[in-house]
Amino acid sequence: MKANLIAGAAVVAIVAAGAILRASAQTRHGEKVMIGNPSCGTRPGNVGHGTALTPSGNNRLAVFAQGCFWGVEERFRKVRGVVATAVGYTGGHTQNPSYEDVCSHGTGQAEAVLVEFDPSQVSYAELLKFFWQTHDPTSGDRQGPDRGSQYRSAIFTFGPAQQEAALASRAEEQKRLPDPITTEIAAAGPFWVAEDYHQQWDEKHGQRSCPLPHRPRTAAAAR
């Protein structure tokens, strides 16, 4: 699915910027549904290609992976308290990978979203709750129609407090799921910002690129 959308990106790129950003809303049942959040920033932590990350003021950073990063970014940009997002690659061993490198499944990198948030408006615990609610953490190297290690579920943490909170939240989430959670939890390493055409894809195109997130089986449903 993503490959087909990327093939059309070259055509979109020649359209005037105003036309690309023409729509941040879709119409559903006669009502407009906002796509992403154009007022949200695009340089969390002054992100670059493996460079040190530095949030502004008292803001904090978080990294989440839960499948195709286009849809993940679109969802997180609408969370109250999230002030900036960017998509990129992390969790692997290849330095400064390209999208093509990551798609080869030999880099170990995951498609991820770097989030900068204001802890006075949204806590890390609340972001973790949103993370669990918006994908299937039991599906291994797959999320919906996308398959491969780059689409794995993962949380990359900044410091011991985030690591402890992520582990505790995973244990709590597991209590209600009959299938084992496959979500990786690891300390955040270098974050390699993805190519410009990947950034805020849904907002630029005025539509959701990915299907609605799959949900895991619950213990109640398994009975």
C-alpha atoms as a PDB file:
ATOM      1  CA  MET A   1       0.000   0.000   0.000  1.00  0.00           C
ATOM      2  CA  LYS A   2       2.699   2.482   0.980  1.00  0.00           C
ATOM      3  CA  ALA A   3       4.760   1.714  -2.133  1.00  0.00           C
ATOM      4  CA  ASN A   4       1.852   2.730  -4.347  1.00  0.00           C
ATOM      5  CA  LEU A   5       1.392   5.973  -2.457  1.00  0.00           C
ATOM      6  CA  ILE A   6       5.101   6.776  -2.669  1.00  0.00           C
ATOM      7  CA  ALA A   7       5.029   6.211  -6.420  1.00  0.00           C
ATOM      8  CA  GLY A   8       2.572   9.083  -6.654  1.00  0.00           C
ATOM      9  CA  ALA A   9       4.696  11.364  -4.499  1.00  0.00           C
ATOM     10  CA  ALA A  10       6.773  12.528  -7.458  1.00  0.00           C
ATOM     11  CA  VAL A  11       3.632  13.823  -9.128  1.00  0.00           C
ATOM     12  CA  VAL A  12       2.470  15.545  -5.977  1.00  0.00           C
ATOM     13  CA  ALA A  13       5.877  17.154  -5.503  1.00  0.00           C
ATOM     14  CA  ILE A  14       5.496  19.310  -8.599  1.00  0.00           C
ATOM     15  CA  VAL A  15       2.207  20.768  -7.413  1.00  0.00           C
ATOM     16  CA  ALA A  16       2.382  24.200  -5.789  1.00  0.00           C
ATOM     17  CA  ALA A  17       2.828  24.098  -2.028  1.00  0.00           C
ATOM     18  CA  GLY A  18      -0.501  25.785  -1.485  1.00  0.00           C
ATOM     19  CA  ALA A  19      -2.244  23.021  -3.380  1.00  0.00           C
ATOM     20  CA  ILE A  20      -0.413  20.302  -1.464  1.00  0.00           C
ATOM     21  CA  LEU A  21      -1.522  21.823   1.802  1.00  0.00           C
ATOM     22  CA  ARG A  22      -4.971  22.555   0.435  1.00  0.00           C
ATOM     23  CA  ALA A  23      -6.719  20.223   2.817  1.00  0.00           C
ATOM     24  CA  SER A  24      -6.095  19.084   6.319  1.00  0.00           C
ATOM     25  CA  ALA A  25      -9.592  17.714   6.611  1.00  0.00           C
ATOM     26  CA  GLN A  26     -11.617  14.909   5.113  1.00  0.00           C
ATOM     27  CA  THR A  27     -15.362  14.836   4.819  1.00  0.00           C
ATOM     28  CA  ARG A  28     -17.061  11.895   6.483  1.00  0.00           C
ATOM     29  CA  HIS A  29     -20.845  11.573   6.681  1.00  0.00           C
ATOM     30  CA  GLY A  30     -21.109  15.240   5.746  1.00  0.00           C
ATOM     31  CA  GLU A  31     -18.791  16.354   8.547  1.00  0.00           C
ATOM     32  CA  LYS A  32     -15.194  17.471   8.252  1.00  0.00           C
ATOM     33  CA  VAL A  33     -12.636  15.327  10.054  1.00  0.00           C
ATOM     34  CA  MET A  34      -9.340  17.029  10.788  1.00  0.00           C
ATOM     35  CA  ILE A  35      -6.267  15.271   9.411  1.00  0.00           C
ATOM     36  CA  GLY A  36      -3.357  15.706  11.766  1.00  0.00           C
ATOM     37  CA  ASN A  37      -2.733  19.153  13.205  1.00  0.00           C
ATOM     38  CA  PRO A  38      -1.075  21.774  10.974  1.00  0.00           C
ATOM     39  CA  SER A  39      -0.370  23.995  13.987  1.00  0.00           C
ATOM     40  CA  CYS A  40       1.826  21.305  15.571  1.00  0.00           C
ATOM     41  CA  GLY A  41       5.579  21.767  15.124  1.00  0.00           C
ATOM     42  CA  THR A  42       7.805  19.683  12.883  1.00  0.00           C
ATOM     43  CA  ARG A  43      11.250  19.809  14.558  1.00  0.00           C
ATOM     44  CA  PRO A  44      10.953  17.929  17.846  1.00  0.00           C
ATOM     45  CA  GLY A  45      14.184  18.135  19.798  1.00  0.00           C
ATOM     46  CA  ASN A  46      15.793  19.966  16.847  1.00  0.00           C
ATOM     47  CA  VAL A  47      15.920  16.556  15.181  1.00  0.00           C
ATOM     48  CA  GLY A  48      18.518  15.721  12.563  1.00  0.00           C
ATOM     49  CA  HIS A  49      20.421  12.727  11.252  1.00  0.00           C
ATOM     50  CA  GLY A  50      21.525  11.015  14.442  1.00  0.00           C
ATOM     51  CA  THR A  51      22.264  14.339  16.130  1.00  0.00           C
ATOM     52  CA  ALA A  52      21.754  15.018  19.826  1.00  0.00           C
ATOM     53  CA  LEU A  53      18.123  15.776  20.655  1.00  0.00           C
ATOM     54  CA  THR A  54      17.317  18.874  22.715  1.00  0.00           C
ATOM     55  CA  PRO A  55      13.679  19.677  23.578  1.00  0.00           C
ATOM     56  CA  SER A  56      12.661  23.283  24.128  1.00  0.00           C
ATOM     57  CA  GLY A  57      12.225  24.675  27.648  1.00  0.00           C
ATOM     58  CA  ASN A  58      10.571  22.186  29.984  1.00  0.00           C
ATOM     59  CA  ASN A  59       9.312  19.965  27.170  1.00  0.00           C
ATOM     60  CA  ARG A  60      10.157  16.252  27.014  1.00  0.00           C
ATOM     61  CA  LEU A  61      10.759  13.765  24.209  1.00  0.00           C
ATOM     62  CA  ALA A  62       9.334  10.326  23.476  1.00  0.00           C
ATOM     63  CA  VAL A  63       9.690   7.843  20.614  1.00  0.00           C
ATOM     64  CA  PHE A  64       6.985   5.408  19.516  1.00  0.00           C
ATOM     65  CA  ALA A  65       6.806   2.848  16.699  1.00  0.00           C
ATOM     66  CA  GLN A  66       3.555   1.127  15.778  1.00  0.00           C
ATOM     67  CA  GLY A  67       3.572   0.397  12.064  1.00  0.00           C
ATOM     68  CA  CYS A  68       3.652   2.755   9.081  1.00  0.00           C
ATOM     69  CA  PHE A  69       4.911   6.024  10.514  1.00  0.00           C
ATOM     70  CA  TRP A  70       2.621   8.173   8.374  1.00  0.00           C
ATOM     71  CA  GLY A  71      -0.495   7.130  10.256  1.00  0.00           C
ATOM     72  CA  VAL A  72       1.259   7.052  13.622  1.00  0.00           C
ATOM     73  CA  GLU A  73       2.433  10.634  13.224  1.00  0.00           C
ATOM     74  CA  GLU A  74      -1.017  11.791  12.120  1.00  0.00           C
ATOM     75  CA  ARG A  75      -2.558  10.366  15.290  1.00  0.00           C
ATOM     76  CA  PHE A  76       0.038  11.740  17.714  1.00  0.00           C
ATOM     77  CA  ARG A  77      -0.093  15.236  16.220  1.00  0.00           C
ATOM     78  CA  LYS A  78      -3.672  15.531  17.444  1.00  0.00           C
ATOM     79  CA  VAL A  79      -2.905  14.649  21.079  1.00  0.00           C
ATOM     80  CA  ARG A  80      -3.299  17.635  23.380  1.00  0.00           C
ATOM     81  CA  GLY A  81       0.118  18.649  24.714  1.00  0.00           C
ATOM     82  CA  VAL A  82       2.128  17.264  21.803  1.00  0.00           C
ATOM     83  CA  VAL A  83       3.972  20.294  20.430  1.00  0.00           C
ATOM     84  CA  ALA A  84       6.029  18.775  17.587  1.00  0.00           C
ATOM     85  CA  THR A  85       6.536  15.492  15.734  1.00  0.00           C
ATOM     86  CA  ALA A  86       8.778  14.047  13.035  1.00  0.00           C
ATOM     87  CA  VAL A  87       9.098  10.612  11.482  1.00  0.00           C
ATOM     88  CA  GLY A  88      12.345   8.725  11.160  1.00  0.00           C
ATOM     89  CA  TYR A  89      14.317   5.567  11.764  1.00  0.00           C
ATOM     90  CA  THR A  90      15.691   4.237  15.041  1.00  0.00           C
ATOM     91  CA  GLY A  91      16.417   1.041  16.947  1.00  0.00           C
ATOM     92  CA  GLY A  92      18.755  -0.465  14.364  1.00  0.00           C
ATOM     93  CA  HIS A  93      22.442  -0.668  13.527  1.00  0.00           C
ATOM     94  CA  THR A  94      22.796   1.074  10.151  1.00  0.00           C
ATOM     95  CA  GLN A  95      24.011   4.654  10.315  1.00  0.00           C
ATOM     96  CA  ASN A  96      21.978   7.359   8.547  1.00  0.00           C
ATOM     97  CA  PRO A  97      19.757   4.901   6.634  1.00  0.00           C
ATOM     98  CA  SER A  98      17.560   5.861   3.712  1.00  0.00           C
ATOM     99  CA  TYR A  99      13.989   4.673   3.348  1.00  0.00           C
ATOM    100  CA  GLU A 100      15.182   2.189   0.728  1.00  0.00           C
ATOM    101  CA  ASP A 101      17.790   0.861   3.188  1.00  0.00           C
ATOM    102  CA  VAL A 102      15.152   0.355   5.865  1.00  0.00           C
ATOM    103  CA  CYS A 103      12.817  -1.386   3.411  1.00  0.00           C
ATOM    104  CA  SER A 104      15.563  -3.948   2.711  1.00  0.00           C
ATOM    105  CA  HIS A 105      14.946  -5.302   6.247  1.00  0.00           C
ATOM    106  CA  GLY A 106      18.679  -5.466   6.907  1.00  0.00           C
ATOM    107  CA  THR A 107      19.134  -2.335   9.013  1.00  0.00           C
ATOM    108  CA  GLY A 108      17.205  -3.296  12.149  1.00  0.00           C
ATOM    109  CA  GLN A 109      15.644   0.173  12.088  1.00  0.00           C
ATOM    110  CA  ALA A 110      11.988   0.739  12.935  1.00  0.00           C
ATOM    111  CA  GLU A 111       9.745   3.358  11.382  1.00  0.00           C
ATOM    112  CA  ALA A 112       9.156   5.618  14.376  1.00  0.00           C
ATOM    113  CA  VAL A 113       7.744   8.953  15.433  1.00  0.00           C
ATOM    114  CA  LEU A 114       9.699  11.362  17.609  1.00  0.00           C
ATOM    115  CA  VAL A 115       7.334  13.327  19.829  1.00  0.00           C
ATOM    116  CA  GLU A 116       8.066  16.504  21.768  1.00  0.00           C
ATOM    117  CA  PHE A 117       5.467  17.152  24.441  1.00  0.00           C
ATOM    118  CA  ASP A 118       4.634  19.606  27.181  1.00  0.00           C
ATOM    119  CA  PRO A 119       4.378  17.601  30.437  1.00  0.00           C
ATOM    120  CA  SER A 120       2.168  20.290  31.963  1.00  0.00           C
ATOM    121  CA  GLN A 121      -0.480  19.376  29.368  1.00  0.00           C
ATOM    122  CA  VAL A 122       0.042  15.662  28.786  1.00  0.00           C
ATOM    123  CA  SER A 123       1.993  13.171  30.865  1.00  0.00           C
ATOM    124  CA  TYR A 124       4.223  10.405  29.571  1.00  0.00           C
ATOM    125  CA  ALA A 125       1.807   7.920  31.159  1.00  0.00           C
ATOM    126  CA  GLU A 126      -1.012   9.394  29.069  1.00  0.00           C
ATOM    127  CA  LEU A 127       1.075   9.080  25.909  1.00  0.00           C
ATOM    128  CA  LEU A 128       1.751   5.440  26.770  1.00  0.00           C
ATOM    129  CA  LYS A 129      -1.971   4.832  27.199  1.00  0.00           C
ATOM    130  CA  PHE A 130      -2.615   6.403  23.803  1.00  0.00           C
ATOM    131  CA  PHE A 131       0.126   4.212  22.307  1.00  0.00           C
ATOM    132  CA  TRP A 132      -1.511   0.995  23.539  1.00  0.00           C
ATOM    133  CA  GLN A 133      -4.979   2.119  22.460  1.00  0.00           C
ATOM    134  CA  THR A 134      -4.038   2.912  18.858  1.00  0.00           C
ATOM    135  CA  HIS A 135      -2.495  -0.295  17.467  1.00  0.00           C
ATOM    136  CA  ASP A 136      -2.119  -4.040  17.919  1.00  0.00           C
ATOM    137  CA  PRO A 137       0.941  -4.652  20.131  1.00  0.00           C
ATOM    138  CA  THR A 138       0.650  -8.452  19.732  1.00  0.00           C
ATOM    139  CA  SER A 139       1.291  -8.726  15.990  1.00  0.00           C
ATOM    140  CA  GLY A 140       5.093  -8.968  15.897  1.00  0.00           C
ATOM    141  CA  ASP A 141       6.765  -7.588  12.778  1.00  0.00           C
ATOM    142  CA  ARG A 142       3.476  -6.554  11.256  1.00  0.00           C
ATOM    143  CA  GLN A 143       0.800  -3.913  11.572  1.00  0.00           C
ATOM    144  CA  GLY A 144      -2.228  -4.242   9.350  1.00  0.00           C
ATOM    145  CA  PRO A 145      -1.159  -4.828   5.734  1.00  0.00           C
ATOM    146  CA  ASP A 146       2.460  -3.767   6.377  1.00  0.00           C
ATOM    147  CA  ARG A 147       4.922  -6.546   7.166  1.00  0.00           C
ATOM    148  CA  GLY A 148       8.577  -6.489   8.141  1.00  0.00           C
ATOM    149  CA  SER A 149      10.705  -5.579  11.161  1.00  0.00           C
ATOM    150  CA  GLN A 150      10.479  -1.869  10.324  1.00  0.00           C
ATOM    151  CA  TYR A 151       6.768  -2.035  11.250  1.00  0.00           C
ATOM    152  CA  ARG A 152       7.271  -3.587  14.691  1.00  0.00           C
ATOM    153  CA  SER A 153       5.721  -2.172  17.824  1.00  0.00           C
ATOM    154  CA  ALA A 154       8.336  -0.433  19.987  1.00  0.00           C
ATOM    155  CA  ILE A 155       8.876   2.196  22.657  1.00  0.00           C
ATOM    156  CA  PHE A 156      12.280   3.873  22.811  1.00  0.00           C
ATOM    157  CA  THR A 157      12.825   5.563  26.153  1.00  0.00           C
ATOM    158  CA  PHE A 158      14.752   8.572  27.416  1.00  0.00           C
ATOM    159  CA  GLY A 159      16.140   7.837  30.868  1.00  0.00           C
ATOM    160  CA  PRO A 160      15.289   5.414  33.693  1.00  0.00           C
ATOM    161  CA  ALA A 161      11.929   7.018  34.552  1.00  0.00           C
ATOM    162  CA  GLN A 162      10.542   6.503  31.037  1.00  0.00           C
ATOM    163  CA  GLN A 163      11.983   2.981  30.901  1.00  0.00           C
ATOM    164  CA  GLU A 164      10.321   2.049  34.185  1.00  0.00           C
ATOM    165  CA  ALA A 165       7.007   3.631  33.147  1.00  0.00           C
ATOM    166  CA  ALA A 166       7.032   1.859  29.765  1.00  0.00           C
ATOM    167  CA  LEU A 167       7.768  -1.547  31.304  1.00  0.00           C
ATOM    168  CA  ALA A 168       5.040  -1.077  33.912  1.00  0.00           C
ATOM    169  CA  SER A 169       2.513   0.002  31.303  1.00  0.00           C
ATOM    170  CA  ARG A 170       3.319  -3.007  29.130  1.00  0.00           C
ATOM    171  CA  ALA A 171       2.801  -5.346  32.080  1.00  0.00           C
ATOM    172  CA  GLU A 172      -0.529  -3.682  32.866  1.00  0.00           C
ATOM    173  CA  GLU A 173      -1.673  -3.880  29.243  1.00  0.00           C
ATOM    174  CA  GLN A 174      -0.755  -7.561  29.082  1.00  0.00           C
ATOM    175  CA  LYS A 175      -3.262  -8.331  31.844  1.00  0.00           C
ATOM    176  CA  ARG A 176      -6.171  -7.671  29.517  1.00  0.00           C
ATOM    177  CA  LEU A 177      -4.761  -9.386  26.422  1.00  0.00           C
ATOM    178  CA  PRO A 178      -4.697 -13.187  25.901  1.00  0.00           C
ATOM    179  CA  ASP A 179      -1.923 -12.992  23.282  1.00  0.00           C
ATOM    180  CA  PRO A 180       1.627 -12.047  24.271  1.00  0.00           C
ATOM    181  CA  ILE A 181       2.621  -8.447  23.663  1.00  0.00           C
ATOM    182  CA  THR A 182       5.570  -8.244  21.272  1.00  0.00           C
ATOM    183  CA  THR A 183       6.326  -4.556  21.847  1.00  0.00           C
ATOM    184  CA  GLU A 184      10.037  -3.852  22.172  1.00  0.00           C
ATOM    185  CA  ILE A 185      11.080  -1.485  24.966  1.00  0.00           C
ATOM    186  CA  ALA A 186      14.632  -0.162  24.737  1.00  0.00           C
ATOM    187  CA  ALA A 187      16.680   2.922  25.503  1.00  0.00           C
ATOM    188  CA  ALA A 188      16.503   5.521  22.744  1.00  0.00           C
ATOM    189  CA  GLY A 189      19.524   5.617  20.481  1.00  0.00           C
ATOM    190  CA  PRO A 190      20.271   7.832  17.468  1.00  0.00           C
ATOM    191  CA  PHE A 191      17.179   8.996  15.623  1.00  0.00           C
ATOM    192  CA  TRP A 192      17.619   9.455  11.893  1.00  0.00           C
ATOM    193  CA  VAL A 193      15.026  11.852  10.534  1.00  0.00           C
ATOM    194  CA  ALA A 194      13.283  10.467   7.439  1.00  0.00           C
ATOM    195  CA  GLU A 195      13.220  12.080   4.017  1.00  0.00           C
ATOM    196  CA  ASP A 196      11.168  15.274   3.710  1.00  0.00           C
ATOM    197  CA  TYR A 197       8.422  13.657   1.660  1.00  0.00           C
ATOM    198  CA  HIS A 198       7.619  11.321   4.562  1.00  0.00           C
ATOM    199  CA  GLN A 199       7.115  14.160   7.051  1.00  0.00           C
ATOM    200  CA  GLN A 200       3.466  14.924   7.905  1.00  0.00           C
ATOM    201  CA  TRP A 201       2.397  12.889   4.875  1.00  0.00           C
ATOM    202  CA  ASP A 202      -1.287  12.832   5.758  1.00  0.00           C
ATOM    203  CA  GLU A 203      -1.499  16.578   6.373  1.00  0.00           C
ATOM    204  CA  LYS A 204       0.252  17.337   3.102  1.00  0.00           C
ATOM    205  CA  HIS A 205      -2.141  15.140   1.156  1.00  0.00           C
ATOM    206  CA  GLY A 206      -5.329  15.908   3.057  1.00  0.00           C
ATOM    207  CA  GLN A 207      -6.211  12.262   3.674  1.00  0.00           C
ATOM    208  CA  ARG A 208      -5.335   9.361   5.899  1.00  0.00           C
ATOM    209  CA  SER A 209      -2.802   7.125   4.215  1.00  0.00           C
ATOM    210  CA  CYS A 210      -3.094   4.078   6.455  1.00  0.00           C
ATOM    211  CA  PRO A 211      -6.103   1.948   7.370  1.00  0.00           C
ATOM    212  CA  LEU A 212      -7.578   2.338  10.822  1.00  0.00           C
ATOM    213  CA  PRO A 213      -5.325   0.667  13.408  1.00  0.00           C
ATOM    214  CA  HIS A 214      -5.913  -3.002  14.053  1.00  0.00           C
ATOM    215  CA  ARG A 215      -6.878  -3.873  17.608  1.00  0.00           C
ATOM    216  CA  PRO A 216      -5.660  -6.909  19.563  1.00  0.00           C
ATOM    217  CA  ARG A 217      -7.930  -9.589  20.946  1.00  0.00           C
ATOM    218  CA  THR A 218      -8.985  -8.912  24.523  1.00  0.00           C
ATOM    219  CA  ALA A 219      -9.266 -11.540  27.210  1.00  0.00           C
ATOM    220  CA  ALA A 220     -13.046 -11.069  27.259  1.00  0.00           C
ATOM    221  CA  ALA A 221     -13.314 -11.646  23.505  1.00  0.00           C
ATOM    222  CA  ALA A 222     -11.131 -14.772  23.715  1.00  0.00           C
ATOM    223  CA  ARG A 223     -13.494 -16.518  26.134  1.00  0.00           C
END
